[in-house]
Amino acid sequence: MIRATMAVWLILVLAASGGLYYVKYRVQRLEQQLRTLNQAVVREQEAIHVLKAEWSYLNRPEKLAEQVEHHLDLGPIPGGQVGTIDSLSYRLPAMIGGEMLTAETVTQAPKTGAQESGR
């Protein structure tokens, strides 16, 4: 009976030792992965910081004005190109058979024989 009890205890100690060994090295691998990920996060945060600084530098009003002058051929608007609201003509929407013509009514209009046959 004592030998059976010793054998059971020996098996339990070996199982606990094996489990402890497995858990210990698994935790070490996970800690290494965590360190690697934390380093990657820090690198990305530094890169974001640099990108924000570059964005701020490139969006300075003086820099933008310089880029506009260099790349766009803009100038003052001549007085003849500016009009008033009164100079616009007021046109009523097109009507077909007493019905206002809209994009929906155009697409829903009945097809003629030529349109149906695909000519």
PDB file of N, CA and C in Angstrom:
ATOM      1  N   MET A   1       0.819  -1.180   0.000  1.00  0.00           N
ATOM      2  CA  MET A   1       0.000   0.000   0.000  1.00  0.00           C
ATOM      3  C   MET A   1       0.872   1.257   0.000  1.00  0.00           C
ATOM      4  N   ILE A   2       1.973   1.222   0.764  1.00  0.00           N
ATOM      5  CA  ILE A   2       2.859   2.370   0.829  1.00  0.00           C
ATOM      6  C   ILE A   2       3.520   2.593  -0.524  1.00  0.00           C
ATOM      7  N   ARG A   3       3.870   1.518  -1.222  1.00  0.00           N
ATOM      8  CA  ARG A   3       4.477   1.661  -2.535  1.00  0.00           C
ATOM      9  C   ARG A   3       3.503   2.289  -3.518  1.00  0.00           C
ATOM     10  N   ALA A   4       2.252   1.952  -3.499  1.00  0.00           N
ATOM     11  CA  ALA A   4       1.252   2.531  -4.404  1.00  0.00           C
ATOM     12  C   ALA A   4       1.073   4.014  -4.105  1.00  0.00           C
ATOM     13  N   THR A   5       1.048   4.363  -2.824  1.00  0.00           N
ATOM     14  CA  THR A   5       0.905   5.762  -2.438  1.00  0.00           C
ATOM     15  C   THR A   5       2.127   6.555  -2.879  1.00  0.00           C
ATOM     16  N   MET A   6       3.311   5.993  -2.715  1.00  0.00           N
ATOM     17  CA  MET A   6       4.538   6.664  -3.150  1.00  0.00           C
ATOM     18  C   MET A   6       4.537   6.840  -4.667  1.00  0.00           C
ATOM     19  N   ALA A   7       4.078   5.838  -5.373  1.00  0.00           N
ATOM     20  CA  ALA A   7       4.033   5.921  -6.835  1.00  0.00           C
ATOM     21  C   ALA A   7       3.078   7.031  -7.272  1.00  0.00           C
ATOM     22  N   VAL A   8       1.919   7.143  -6.612  1.00  0.00           N
ATOM     23  CA  VAL A   8       0.952   8.188  -6.944  1.00  0.00           C
ATOM     24  C   VAL A   8       1.554   9.561  -6.675  1.00  0.00           C
ATOM     25  N   TRP A   9       2.215   9.696  -5.509  1.00  0.00           N
ATOM     26  CA  TRP A   9       2.843  10.976  -5.171  1.00  0.00           C
ATOM     27  C   TRP A   9       3.971  11.322  -6.149  1.00  0.00           C
ATOM     28  N   LEU A  10       4.724  10.330  -6.554  1.00  0.00           N
ATOM     29  CA  LEU A  10       5.807  10.555  -7.507  1.00  0.00           C
ATOM     30  C   LEU A  10       5.246  11.026  -8.845  1.00  0.00           C
ATOM     31  N   ILE A  11       4.186  10.402  -9.289  1.00  0.00           N
ATOM     32  CA  ILE A  11       3.544  10.802 -10.549  1.00  0.00           C
ATOM     33  C   ILE A  11       3.002  12.225 -10.435  1.00  0.00           C
ATOM     34  N   LEU A  12       2.378  12.555  -9.306  1.00  0.00           N
ATOM     35  CA  LEU A  12       1.844  13.900  -9.102  1.00  0.00           C
ATOM     36  C   LEU A  12       2.964  14.945  -9.076  1.00  0.00           C
ATOM     37  N   VAL A  13       4.079  14.636  -8.429  1.00  0.00           N
ATOM     38  CA  VAL A  13       5.203  15.570  -8.373  1.00  0.00           C
ATOM     39  C   VAL A  13       5.795  15.762  -9.767  1.00  0.00           C
ATOM     40  N   LEU A  14       5.944  14.685 -10.517  1.00  0.00           N
ATOM     41  CA  LEU A  14       6.466  14.787 -11.879  1.00  0.00           C
ATOM     42  C   LEU A  14       5.512  15.596 -12.771  1.00  0.00           C
ATOM     43  N   ALA A  15       4.225  15.369 -12.640  1.00  0.00           N
ATOM     44  CA  ALA A  15       3.242  16.123 -13.433  1.00  0.00           C
ATOM     45  C   ALA A  15       3.283  17.602 -13.053  1.00  0.00           C
ATOM     46  N   ALA A  16       3.371  17.885 -11.767  1.00  0.00           N
ATOM     47  CA  ALA A  16       3.441  19.283 -11.329  1.00  0.00           C
ATOM     48  C   ALA A  16       4.733  19.928 -11.807  1.00  0.00           C
ATOM     49  N   SER A  17       5.841  19.202 -11.764  1.00  0.00           N
ATOM     50  CA  SER A  17       7.122  19.734 -12.237  1.00  0.00           C
ATOM     51  C   SER A  17       7.058  20.015 -13.740  1.00  0.00           C
ATOM     52  N   GLY A  18       6.524  19.070 -14.477  1.00  0.00           N
ATOM     53  CA  GLY A  18       6.388  19.256 -15.929  1.00  0.00           C
ATOM     54  C   GLY A  18       5.478  20.434 -16.246  1.00  0.00           C
ATOM     55  N   GLY A  19       4.366  20.556 -15.535  1.00  0.00           N
ATOM     56  CA  GLY A  19       3.442  21.681 -15.754  1.00  0.00           C
ATOM     57  C   GLY A  19       4.093  23.004 -15.410  1.00  0.00           C
ATOM     58  N   LEU A  20       4.827  23.049 -14.309  1.00  0.00           N
ATOM     59  CA  LEU A  20       5.520  24.263 -13.892  1.00  0.00           C
ATOM     60  C   LEU A  20       6.583  24.648 -14.923  1.00  0.00           C
ATOM     61  N   TYR A  21       7.329  23.669 -15.419  1.00  0.00           N
ATOM     62  CA  TYR A  21       8.343  23.913 -16.444  1.00  0.00           C
ATOM     63  C   TYR A  21       7.682  24.511 -17.695  1.00  0.00           C
ATOM     64  N   TYR A  22       6.594  23.889 -18.140  1.00  0.00           N
ATOM     65  CA  TYR A  22       5.894  24.367 -19.332  1.00  0.00           C
ATOM     66  C   TYR A  22       5.381  25.789 -19.124  1.00  0.00           C
ATOM     67  N   VAL A  23       4.749  26.073 -18.001  1.00  0.00           N
ATOM     68  CA  VAL A  23       4.184  27.399 -17.727  1.00  0.00           C
ATOM     69  C   VAL A  23       5.290  28.441 -17.637  1.00  0.00           C
ATOM     70  N   LYS A  24       6.422  28.085 -16.985  1.00  0.00           N
ATOM     71  CA  LYS A  24       7.522  29.029 -16.836  1.00  0.00           C
ATOM     72  C   LYS A  24       8.051  29.478 -18.192  1.00  0.00           C
ATOM     73  N   TYR A  25       8.328  28.541 -19.083  1.00  0.00           N
ATOM     74  CA  TYR A  25       8.896  28.909 -20.377  1.00  0.00           C
ATOM     75  C   TYR A  25       7.861  29.529 -21.307  1.00  0.00           C
ATOM     76  N   ARG A  26       6.627  29.164 -21.140  1.00  0.00           N
ATOM     77  CA  ARG A  26       5.545  29.810 -21.918  1.00  0.00           C
ATOM     78  C   ARG A  26       5.431  31.292 -21.514  1.00  0.00           C
ATOM     79  N   VAL A  27       5.508  31.554 -20.219  1.00  0.00           N
ATOM     80  CA  VAL A  27       5.452  32.939 -19.725  1.00  0.00           C
ATOM     81  C   VAL A  27       6.650  33.720 -20.233  1.00  0.00           C
ATOM     82  N   GLN A  28       7.817  33.115 -20.245  1.00  0.00           N
ATOM     83  CA  GLN A  28       9.005  33.804 -20.758  1.00  0.00           C
ATOM     84  C   GLN A  28       8.845  34.158 -22.246  1.00  0.00           C
ATOM     85  N   ARG A  29       8.306  33.236 -23.043  1.00  0.00           N
ATOM     86  CA  ARG A  29       8.081  33.516 -24.470  1.00  0.00           C
ATOM     87  C   ARG A  29       7.075  34.645 -24.633  1.00  0.00           C
ATOM     88  N   LEU A  30       6.007  34.624 -23.842  1.00  0.00           N
ATOM     89  CA  LEU A  30       4.993  35.678 -23.938  1.00  0.00           C
ATOM     90  C   LEU A  30       5.548  37.029 -23.499  1.00  0.00           C
ATOM     91  N   GLU A  31       6.397  37.042 -22.473  1.00  0.00           N
ATOM     92  CA  GLU A  31       7.021  38.298 -22.042  1.00  0.00           C
ATOM     93  C   GLU A  31       7.937  38.847 -23.125  1.00  0.00           C
ATOM     94  N   GLN A  32       8.664  37.964 -23.812  1.00  0.00           N
ATOM     95  CA  GLN A  32       9.520  38.410 -24.910  1.00  0.00           C
ATOM     96  C   GLN A  32       8.675  38.996 -26.043  1.00  0.00           C
ATOM     97  N   GLN A  33       7.565  38.349 -26.368  1.00  0.00           N
ATOM     98  CA  GLN A  33       6.657  38.888 -27.399  1.00  0.00           C
ATOM     99  C   GLN A  33       6.114  40.248 -26.969  1.00  0.00           C
ATOM    100  N   LEU A  34       5.776  40.389 -25.686  1.00  0.00           N
ATOM    101  CA  LEU A  34       5.269  41.660 -25.174  1.00  0.00           C
ATOM    102  C   LEU A  34       6.326  42.756 -25.289  1.00  0.00           C
ATOM    103  N   ARG A  35       7.575  42.438 -24.951  1.00  0.00           N
ATOM    104  CA  ARG A  35       8.655  43.421 -25.093  1.00  0.00           C
ATOM    105  C   ARG A  35       8.819  43.838 -26.553  1.00  0.00           C
ATOM    106  N   THR A  36       8.768  42.871 -27.455  1.00  0.00           N
ATOM    107  CA  THR A  36       8.901  43.159 -28.887  1.00  0.00           C
ATOM    108  C   THR A  36       7.765  44.058 -29.362  1.00  0.00           C
ATOM    109  N   LEU A  37       6.550  43.757 -28.953  1.00  0.00           N
ATOM    110  CA  LEU A  37       5.398  44.573 -29.357  1.00  0.00           C
ATOM    111  C   LEU A  37       5.482  45.980 -28.760  1.00  0.00           C
ATOM    112  N   ASN A  38       5.909  46.081 -27.518  1.00  0.00           N
ATOM    113  CA  ASN A  38       6.049  47.402 -26.902  1.00  0.00           C
ATOM    114  C   ASN A  38       7.097  48.241 -27.627  1.00  0.00           C
ATOM    115  N   GLN A  39       8.199  47.606 -28.031  1.00  0.00           N
ATOM    116  CA  GLN A  39       9.214  48.324 -28.796  1.00  0.00           C
ATOM    117  C   GLN A  39       8.648  48.801 -30.138  1.00  0.00           C
ATOM    118  N   ALA A  40       7.850  47.959 -30.785  1.00  0.00           N
ATOM    119  CA  ALA A  40       7.235  48.335 -32.062  1.00  0.00           C
ATOM    120  C   ALA A  40       6.266  49.502 -31.864  1.00  0.00           C
ATOM    121  N   VAL A  41       5.517  49.478 -30.772  1.00  0.00           N
ATOM    122  CA  VAL A  41       4.580  50.572 -30.484  1.00  0.00           C
ATOM    123  C   VAL A  41       5.340  51.878 -30.282  1.00  0.00           C
ATOM    124  N   VAL A  42       6.442  51.817 -29.553  1.00  0.00           N
ATOM    125  CA  VAL A  42       7.241  53.025 -29.322  1.00  0.00           C
ATOM    126  C   VAL A  42       7.792  53.555 -30.641  1.00  0.00           C
ATOM    127  N   ARG A  43       8.294  52.661 -31.502  1.00  0.00           N
ATOM    128  CA  ARG A  43       8.804  53.099 -32.813  1.00  0.00           C
ATOM    129  C   ARG A  43       7.710  53.762 -33.633  1.00  0.00           C
ATOM    130  N   GLU A  44       6.512  53.188 -33.628  1.00  0.00           N
ATOM    131  CA  GLU A  44       5.391  53.766 -34.386  1.00  0.00           C
ATOM    132  C   GLU A  44       4.982  55.118 -33.813  1.00  0.00           C
ATOM    133  N   GLN A  45       4.986  55.243 -32.490  1.00  0.00           N
ATOM    134  CA  GLN A  45       4.642  56.525 -31.875  1.00  0.00           C
ATOM    135  C   GLN A  45       5.663  57.590 -32.246  1.00  0.00           C
ATOM    136  N   GLU A  46       6.934  57.212 -32.284  1.00  0.00           N
ATOM    137  CA  GLU A  46       7.977  58.163 -32.702  1.00  0.00           C
ATOM    138  C   GLU A  46       7.784  58.563 -34.163  1.00  0.00           C
ATOM    139  N   ALA A  47       7.430  57.586 -35.004  1.00  0.00           N
ATOM    140  CA  ALA A  47       7.199  57.891 -36.420  1.00  0.00           C
ATOM    141  C   ALA A  47       6.004  58.826 -36.576  1.00  0.00           C
ATOM    142  N   ILE A  48       4.958  58.602 -35.795  1.00  0.00           N
ATOM    143  CA  ILE A  48       3.783  59.483 -35.845  1.00  0.00           C
ATOM    144  C   ILE A  48       4.158  60.887 -35.402  1.00  0.00           C
ATOM    145  N   HIS A  49       4.981  60.980 -34.381  1.00  0.00           N
ATOM    146  CA  HIS A  49       5.432  62.291 -33.900  1.00  0.00           C
ATOM    147  C   HIS A  49       6.195  63.026 -35.006  1.00  0.00           C
ATOM    148  N   VAL A  50       7.077  62.325 -35.700  1.00  0.00           N
ATOM    149  CA  VAL A  50       7.846  62.938 -36.792  1.00  0.00           C
ATOM    150  C   VAL A  50       6.905  63.368 -37.918  1.00  0.00           C
ATOM    151  N   LEU A  51       5.936  62.519 -38.261  1.00  0.00           N
ATOM    152  CA  LEU A  51       4.999  62.859 -39.330  1.00  0.00           C
ATOM    153  C   LEU A  51       4.155  64.082 -38.970  1.00  0.00           C
ATOM    154  N   LYS A  52       3.738  64.181 -37.705  1.00  0.00           N
ATOM    155  CA  LYS A  52       2.978  65.365 -37.289  1.00  0.00           C
ATOM    156  C   LYS A  52       3.827  66.623 -37.386  1.00  0.00           C
ATOM    157  N   ALA A  53       5.100  66.511 -37.027  1.00  0.00           N
ATOM    158  CA  ALA A  53       5.997  67.665 -37.129  1.00  0.00           C
ATOM    159  C   ALA A  53       6.174  68.071 -38.595  1.00  0.00           C
ATOM    160  N   GLU A  54       6.345  67.092 -39.482  1.00  0.00           N
ATOM    161  CA  GLU A  54       6.476  67.395 -40.912  1.00  0.00           C
ATOM    162  C   GLU A  54       5.200  68.037 -41.445  1.00  0.00           C
ATOM    163  N   TRP A  55       4.055  67.514 -41.022  1.00  0.00           N
ATOM    164  CA  TRP A  55       2.767  68.067 -41.472  1.00  0.00           C
ATOM    165  C   TRP A  55       2.637  69.520 -41.021  1.00  0.00           C
ATOM    166  N   SER A  56       2.999  69.802 -39.795  1.00  0.00           N
ATOM    167  CA  SER A  56       2.936  71.175 -39.292  1.00  0.00           C
ATOM    168  C   SER A  56       3.873  72.081 -40.075  1.00  0.00           C
ATOM    169  N   TYR A  57       5.051  71.575 -40.390  1.00  0.00           N
ATOM    170  CA  TYR A  57       6.020  72.371 -41.150  1.00  0.00           C
ATOM    171  C   TYR A  57       5.492  72.653 -42.560  1.00  0.00           C
ATOM    172  N   LEU A  58       4.941  71.649 -43.207  1.00  0.00           N
ATOM    173  CA  LEU A  58       4.478  71.819 -44.588  1.00  0.00           C
ATOM    174  C   LEU A  58       3.198  72.634 -44.683  1.00  0.00           C
ATOM    175  N   ASN A  59       2.442  72.749 -43.619  1.00  0.00           N
ATOM    176  CA  ASN A  59       1.182  73.495 -43.654  1.00  0.00           C
ATOM    177  C   ASN A  59       1.306  74.909 -43.098  1.00  0.00           C
ATOM    178  N   ARG A  60       2.520  75.397 -42.981  1.00  0.00           N
ATOM    179  CA  ARG A  60       2.701  76.790 -42.563  1.00  0.00           C
ATOM    180  C   ARG A  60       2.166  77.703 -43.663  1.00  0.00           C
ATOM    181  N   PRO A  61       1.499  78.795 -43.331  1.00  0.00           N
ATOM    182  CA  PRO A  61       0.944  79.691 -44.345  1.00  0.00           C
ATOM    183  C   PRO A  61       1.988  80.205 -45.329  1.00  0.00           C
ATOM    184  N   GLU A  62       3.198  80.507 -44.848  1.00  0.00           N
ATOM    185  CA  GLU A  62       4.234  81.008 -45.756  1.00  0.00           C
ATOM    186  C   GLU A  62       4.619  79.926 -46.762  1.00  0.00           C
ATOM    187  N   LYS A  63       4.736  78.702 -46.280  1.00  0.00           N
ATOM    188  CA  LYS A  63       5.116  77.579 -47.145  1.00  0.00           C
ATOM    189  C   LYS A  63       4.030  77.315 -48.174  1.00  0.00           C
ATOM    190  N   LEU A  64       2.773  77.359 -47.737  1.00  0.00           N
ATOM    191  CA  LEU A  64       1.666  77.140 -48.663  1.00  0.00           C
ATOM    192  C   LEU A  64       1.604  78.243 -49.709  1.00  0.00           C
ATOM    193  N   ALA A  65       1.821  79.491 -49.301  1.00  0.00           N
ATOM    194  CA  ALA A  65       1.803  80.602 -50.255  1.00  0.00           C
ATOM    195  C   ALA A  65       2.912  80.424 -51.285  1.00  0.00           C
ATOM    196  N   GLU A  66       4.072  79.982 -50.835  1.00  0.00           N
ATOM    197  CA  GLU A  66       5.192  79.741 -51.748  1.00  0.00           C
ATOM    198  C   GLU A  66       4.845  78.636 -52.753  1.00  0.00           C
ATOM    199  N   GLN A  67       4.219  77.565 -52.279  1.00  0.00           N
ATOM    200  CA  GLN A  67       3.838  76.457 -53.157  1.00  0.00           C
ATOM    201  C   GLN A  67       2.770  76.887 -54.162  1.00  0.00           C
ATOM    202  N   VAL A  68       1.821  77.696 -53.734  1.00  0.00           N
ATOM    203  CA  VAL A  68       0.774  78.187 -54.627  1.00  0.00           C
ATOM    204  C   VAL A  68       1.393  79.025 -55.732  1.00  0.00           C
ATOM    205  N   GLU A  69       2.303  79.916 -55.366  1.00  0.00           N
ATOM    206  CA  GLU A  69       2.948  80.762 -56.372  1.00  0.00           C
ATOM    207  C   GLU A  69       3.764  79.930 -57.347  1.00  0.00           C
ATOM    208  N   HIS A  70       4.377  78.877 -56.870  1.00  0.00           N
ATOM    209  CA  HIS A  70       5.240  78.064 -57.718  1.00  0.00           C
ATOM    210  C   HIS A  70       4.442  77.144 -58.643  1.00  0.00           C
ATOM    211  N   HIS A  71       3.369  76.536 -58.152  1.00  0.00           N
ATOM    212  CA  HIS A  71       2.669  75.495 -58.906  1.00  0.00           C
ATOM    213  C   HIS A  71       1.372  75.953 -59.568  1.00  0.00           C
ATOM    214  N   LEU A  72       0.746  76.984 -59.072  1.00  0.00           N
ATOM    215  CA  LEU A  72      -0.527  77.427 -59.632  1.00  0.00           C
ATOM    216  C   LEU A  72      -0.350  78.764 -60.319  1.00  0.00           C
ATOM    217  N   ASP A  73      -1.020  78.903 -61.444  1.00  0.00           N
ATOM    218  CA  ASP A  73      -0.945  80.162 -62.192  1.00  0.00           C
ATOM    219  C   ASP A  73      -2.176  80.989 -61.843  1.00  0.00           C
ATOM    220  N   LEU A  74      -2.216  81.457 -60.610  1.00  0.00           N
ATOM    221  CA  LEU A  74      -3.363  82.231 -60.146  1.00  0.00           C
ATOM    222  C   LEU A  74      -3.012  83.707 -60.123  1.00  0.00           C
ATOM    223  N   GLY A  75      -4.024  84.511 -60.341  1.00  0.00           N
ATOM    224  CA  GLY A  75      -3.833  85.953 -60.277  1.00  0.00           C
ATOM    225  C   GLY A  75      -5.125  86.612 -59.870  1.00  0.00           C
ATOM    226  N   PRO A  76      -5.128  87.923 -59.795  1.00  0.00           N
ATOM    227  CA  PRO A  76      -6.357  88.623 -59.434  1.00  0.00           C
ATOM    228  C   PRO A  76      -7.435  88.395 -60.490  1.00  0.00           C
ATOM    229  N   ILE A  77      -8.676  88.415 -60.067  1.00  0.00           N
ATOM    230  CA  ILE A  77      -9.805  88.236 -60.982  1.00  0.00           C
ATOM    231  C   ILE A  77     -10.115  89.575 -61.640  1.00  0.00           C
ATOM    232  N   PRO A  78     -10.165  89.601 -62.979  1.00  0.00           N
ATOM    233  CA  PRO A  78     -10.532  90.850 -63.656  1.00  0.00           C
ATOM    234  C   PRO A  78     -11.973  91.242 -63.325  1.00  0.00           C
ATOM    235  N   GLY A  79     -12.242  92.529 -63.324  1.00  0.00           N
ATOM    236  CA  GLY A  79     -13.574  93.025 -62.974  1.00  0.00           C
ATOM    237  C   GLY A  79     -14.659  92.524 -63.911  1.00  0.00           C
ATOM    238  N   GLY A  80     -14.325  92.234 -65.165  1.00  0.00           N
ATOM    239  CA  GLY A  80     -15.328  91.770 -66.126  1.00  0.00           C
ATOM    240  C   GLY A  80     -15.825  90.363 -65.846  1.00  0.00           C
ATOM    241  N   GLN A  81     -15.100  89.599 -65.052  1.00  0.00           N
ATOM    242  CA  GLN A  81     -15.520  88.232 -64.749  1.00  0.00           C
ATOM    243  C   GLN A  81     -16.473  88.166 -63.563  1.00  0.00           C
ATOM    244  N   VAL A  82     -16.607  89.249 -62.851  1.00  0.00           N
ATOM    245  CA  VAL A  82     -17.467  89.270 -61.674  1.00  0.00           C
ATOM    246  C   VAL A  82     -18.812  89.853 -62.079  1.00  0.00           C
ATOM    247  N   GLY A  83     -19.890  89.196 -61.707  1.00  0.00           N
ATOM    248  CA  GLY A  83     -21.225  89.681 -62.030  1.00  0.00           C
ATOM    249  C   GLY A  83     -22.061  89.802 -60.779  1.00  0.00           C
ATOM    250  N   THR A  84     -23.313  90.125 -60.984  1.00  0.00           N
ATOM    251  CA  THR A  84     -24.242  90.244 -59.861  1.00  0.00           C
ATOM    252  C   THR A  84     -25.352  89.226 -60.031  1.00  0.00           C
ATOM    253  N   ILE A  85     -26.125  89.041 -59.002  1.00  0.00           N
ATOM    254  CA  ILE A  85     -27.268  88.120 -59.056  1.00  0.00           C
ATOM    255  C   ILE A  85     -28.268  88.594 -60.104  1.00  0.00           C
ATOM    256  N   ASP A  86     -28.431  89.904 -60.227  1.00  0.00           N
ATOM    257  CA  ASP A  86     -29.400  90.442 -61.181  1.00  0.00           C
ATOM    258  C   ASP A  86     -29.022  90.126 -62.620  1.00  0.00           C
ATOM    259  N   SER A  87     -27.742  89.870 -62.888  1.00  0.00           N
ATOM    260  CA  SER A  87     -27.327  89.586 -64.259  1.00  0.00           C
ATOM    261  C   SER A  87     -27.631  88.140 -64.669  1.00  0.00           C
ATOM    262  N   LEU A  88     -27.994  87.290 -63.722  1.00  0.00           N
ATOM    263  CA  LEU A  88     -28.335  85.905 -64.041  1.00  0.00           C
ATOM    264  C   LEU A  88     -29.758  85.836 -64.575  1.00  0.00           C
ATOM    265  N   SER A  89     -29.960  84.980 -65.592  1.00  0.00           N
ATOM    266  CA  SER A  89     -31.315  84.816 -66.115  1.00  0.00           C
ATOM    267  C   SER A  89     -32.028  83.754 -65.292  1.00  0.00           C
ATOM    268  N   TYR A  90     -33.296  83.975 -65.062  1.00  0.00           N
ATOM    269  CA  TYR A  90     -34.093  83.023 -64.300  1.00  0.00           C
ATOM    270  C   TYR A  90     -34.853  82.161 -65.289  1.00  0.00           C
ATOM    271  N   ARG A  91     -34.573  80.857 -65.291  1.00  0.00           N
ATOM    272  CA  ARG A  91     -35.251  79.957 -66.214  1.00  0.00           C
ATOM    273  C   ARG A  91     -36.103  78.983 -65.402  1.00  0.00           C
ATOM    274  N   LEU A  92     -37.296  78.763 -65.892  1.00  0.00           N
ATOM    275  CA  LEU A  92     -38.159  77.775 -65.266  1.00  0.00           C
ATOM    276  C   LEU A  92     -37.699  76.380 -65.666  1.00  0.00           C
ATOM    277  N   PRO A  93     -37.939  75.374 -64.839  1.00  0.00           N
ATOM    278  CA  PRO A  93     -37.567  74.015 -65.213  1.00  0.00           C
ATOM    279  C   PRO A  93     -38.372  73.565 -66.437  1.00  0.00           C
ATOM    280  N   ALA A  94     -37.794  72.688 -67.233  1.00  0.00           N
ATOM    281  CA  ALA A  94     -38.460  72.200 -68.441  1.00  0.00           C
ATOM    282  C   ALA A  94     -39.704  71.400 -68.055  1.00  0.00           C
ATOM    283  N   MET A  95     -40.737  71.545 -68.848  1.00  0.00           N
ATOM    284  CA  MET A  95     -42.006  70.853 -68.587  1.00  0.00           C
ATOM    285  C   MET A  95     -42.336  69.986 -69.805  1.00  0.00           C
ATOM    286  N   ILE A  96     -42.820  68.788 -69.558  1.00  0.00           N
ATOM    287  CA  ILE A  96     -43.309  67.913 -70.630  1.00  0.00           C
ATOM    288  C   ILE A  96     -44.731  67.527 -70.262  1.00  0.00           C
ATOM    289  N   GLY A  97     -45.677  67.939 -71.094  1.00  0.00           N
ATOM    290  CA  GLY A  97     -47.080  67.584 -70.858  1.00  0.00           C
ATOM    291  C   GLY A  97     -47.570  68.035 -69.508  1.00  0.00           C
ATOM    292  N   GLY A  98     -47.174  69.223 -69.059  1.00  0.00           N
ATOM    293  CA  GLY A  98     -47.641  69.746 -67.780  1.00  0.00           C
ATOM    294  C   GLY A  98     -46.924  69.140 -66.587  1.00  0.00           C
ATOM    295  N   GLU A  99     -45.915  68.275 -66.806  1.00  0.00           N
ATOM    296  CA  GLU A  99     -45.178  67.640 -65.714  1.00  0.00           C
ATOM    297  C   GLU A  99     -43.741  68.143 -65.720  1.00  0.00           C
ATOM    298  N   MET A 100     -43.202  68.456 -64.528  1.00  0.00           N
ATOM    299  CA  MET A 100     -41.849  68.979 -64.430  1.00  0.00           C
ATOM    300  C   MET A 100     -40.853  67.887 -64.823  1.00  0.00           C
ATOM    301  N   LEU A 101     -39.880  68.248 -65.638  1.00  0.00           N
ATOM    302  CA  LEU A 101     -38.881  67.310 -66.106  1.00  0.00           C
ATOM    303  C   LEU A 101     -37.766  67.199 -65.069  1.00  0.00           C
ATOM    304  N   THR A 102     -37.586  65.985 -64.524  1.00  0.00           N
ATOM    305  CA  THR A 102     -36.518  65.721 -63.564  1.00  0.00           C
ATOM    306  C   THR A 102     -35.725  64.521 -64.056  1.00  0.00           C
ATOM    307  N   ALA A 103     -34.651  64.209 -63.361  1.00  0.00           N
ATOM    308  CA  ALA A 103     -33.835  63.058 -63.752  1.00  0.00           C
ATOM    309  C   ALA A 103     -34.646  61.774 -63.662  1.00  0.00           C
ATOM    310  N   GLU A 104     -35.530  61.669 -62.690  1.00  0.00           N
ATOM    311  CA  GLU A 104     -36.343  60.463 -62.533  1.00  0.00           C
ATOM    312  C   GLU A 104     -37.345  60.319 -63.668  1.00  0.00           C
ATOM    313  N   THR A 105     -37.973  61.432 -64.060  1.00  0.00           N
ATOM    314  CA  THR A 105     -38.968  61.325 -65.127  1.00  0.00           C
ATOM    315  C   THR A 105     -38.307  61.029 -66.456  1.00  0.00           C
ATOM    316  N   VAL A 106     -37.054  61.460 -66.639  1.00  0.00           N
ATOM    317  CA  VAL A 106     -36.351  61.158 -67.884  1.00  0.00           C
ATOM    318  C   VAL A 106     -36.051  59.677 -67.964  1.00  0.00           C
ATOM    319  N   THR A 107     -35.585  59.061 -66.854  1.00  0.00           N
ATOM    320  CA  THR A 107     -35.248  57.636 -66.886  1.00  0.00           C
ATOM    321  C   THR A 107     -36.495  56.762 -66.920  1.00  0.00           C
ATOM    322  N   GLN A 108     -37.644  57.279 -66.455  1.00  0.00           N
ATOM    323  CA  GLN A 108     -38.870  56.501 -66.444  1.00  0.00           C
ATOM    324  C   GLN A 108     -39.722  56.757 -67.683  1.00  0.00           C
ATOM    325  N   ALA A 109     -39.246  57.598 -68.582  1.00  0.00           N
ATOM    326  CA  ALA A 109     -40.033  57.920 -69.775  1.00  0.00           C
ATOM    327  C   ALA A 109     -40.217  56.662 -70.611  1.00  0.00           C
ATOM    328  N   PRO A 110     -41.391  56.523 -71.276  1.00  0.00           N
ATOM    329  CA  PRO A 110     -41.621  55.332 -72.093  1.00  0.00           C
ATOM    330  C   PRO A 110     -40.652  55.308 -73.269  1.00  0.00           C
ATOM    331  N   LYS A 111     -40.169  54.103 -73.623  1.00  0.00           N
ATOM    332  CA  LYS A 111     -39.224  53.941 -74.705  1.00  0.00           C
ATOM    333  C   LYS A 111     -39.958  53.893 -76.028  1.00  0.00           C
ATOM    334  N   THR A 112     -39.301  54.437 -77.039  1.00  0.00           N
ATOM    335  CA  THR A 112     -39.876  54.373 -78.379  1.00  0.00           C
ATOM    336  C   THR A 112     -39.437  53.068 -79.024  1.00  0.00           C
ATOM    337  N   GLY A 113     -39.971  52.761 -80.146  1.00  0.00           N
ATOM    338  CA  GLY A 113     -39.636  51.514 -80.846  1.00  0.00           C
ATOM    339  C   GLY A 113     -38.161  51.410 -81.167  1.00  0.00           C
ATOM    340  N   ALA A 114     -37.515  52.516 -81.557  1.00  0.00           N
ATOM    341  CA  ALA A 114     -36.102  52.495 -81.893  1.00  0.00           C
ATOM    342  C   ALA A 114     -35.246  52.222 -80.662  1.00  0.00           C
ATOM    343  N   GLN A 115     -35.654  52.750 -79.497  1.00  0.00           N
ATOM    344  CA  GLN A 115     -34.869  52.539 -78.288  1.00  0.00           C
ATOM    345  C   GLN A 115     -34.985  51.097 -77.810  1.00  0.00           C
ATOM    346  N   GLU A 116     -36.153  50.498 -77.942  1.00  0.00           N
ATOM    347  CA  GLU A 116     -36.377  49.134 -77.457  1.00  0.00           C
ATOM    348  C   GLU A 116     -35.621  48.116 -78.284  1.00  0.00           C
ATOM    349  N   SER A 117     -35.512  48.347 -79.587  1.00  0.00           N
ATOM    350  CA  SER A 117     -34.861  47.371 -80.440  1.00  0.00           C
ATOM    351  C   SER A 117     -33.333  47.497 -80.387  1.00  0.00           C
ATOM    352  N   GLY A 118     -32.815  48.579 -79.767  1.00  0.00           N
ATOM    353  CA  GLY A 118     -31.399  48.737 -79.603  1.00  0.00           C
ATOM    354  C   GLY A 118     -30.724  49.326 -80.818  1.00  0.00           C
ATOM    355  N   ARG A 119     -31.448  49.987 -81.715  1.00  0.00           N
ATOM    356  CA  ARG A 119     -30.859  50.612 -82.895  1.00  0.00           C
ATOM    357  C   ARG A 119     -30.188  51.887 -82.589  1.00  0.00           C
TER     358      ARG A 119
END
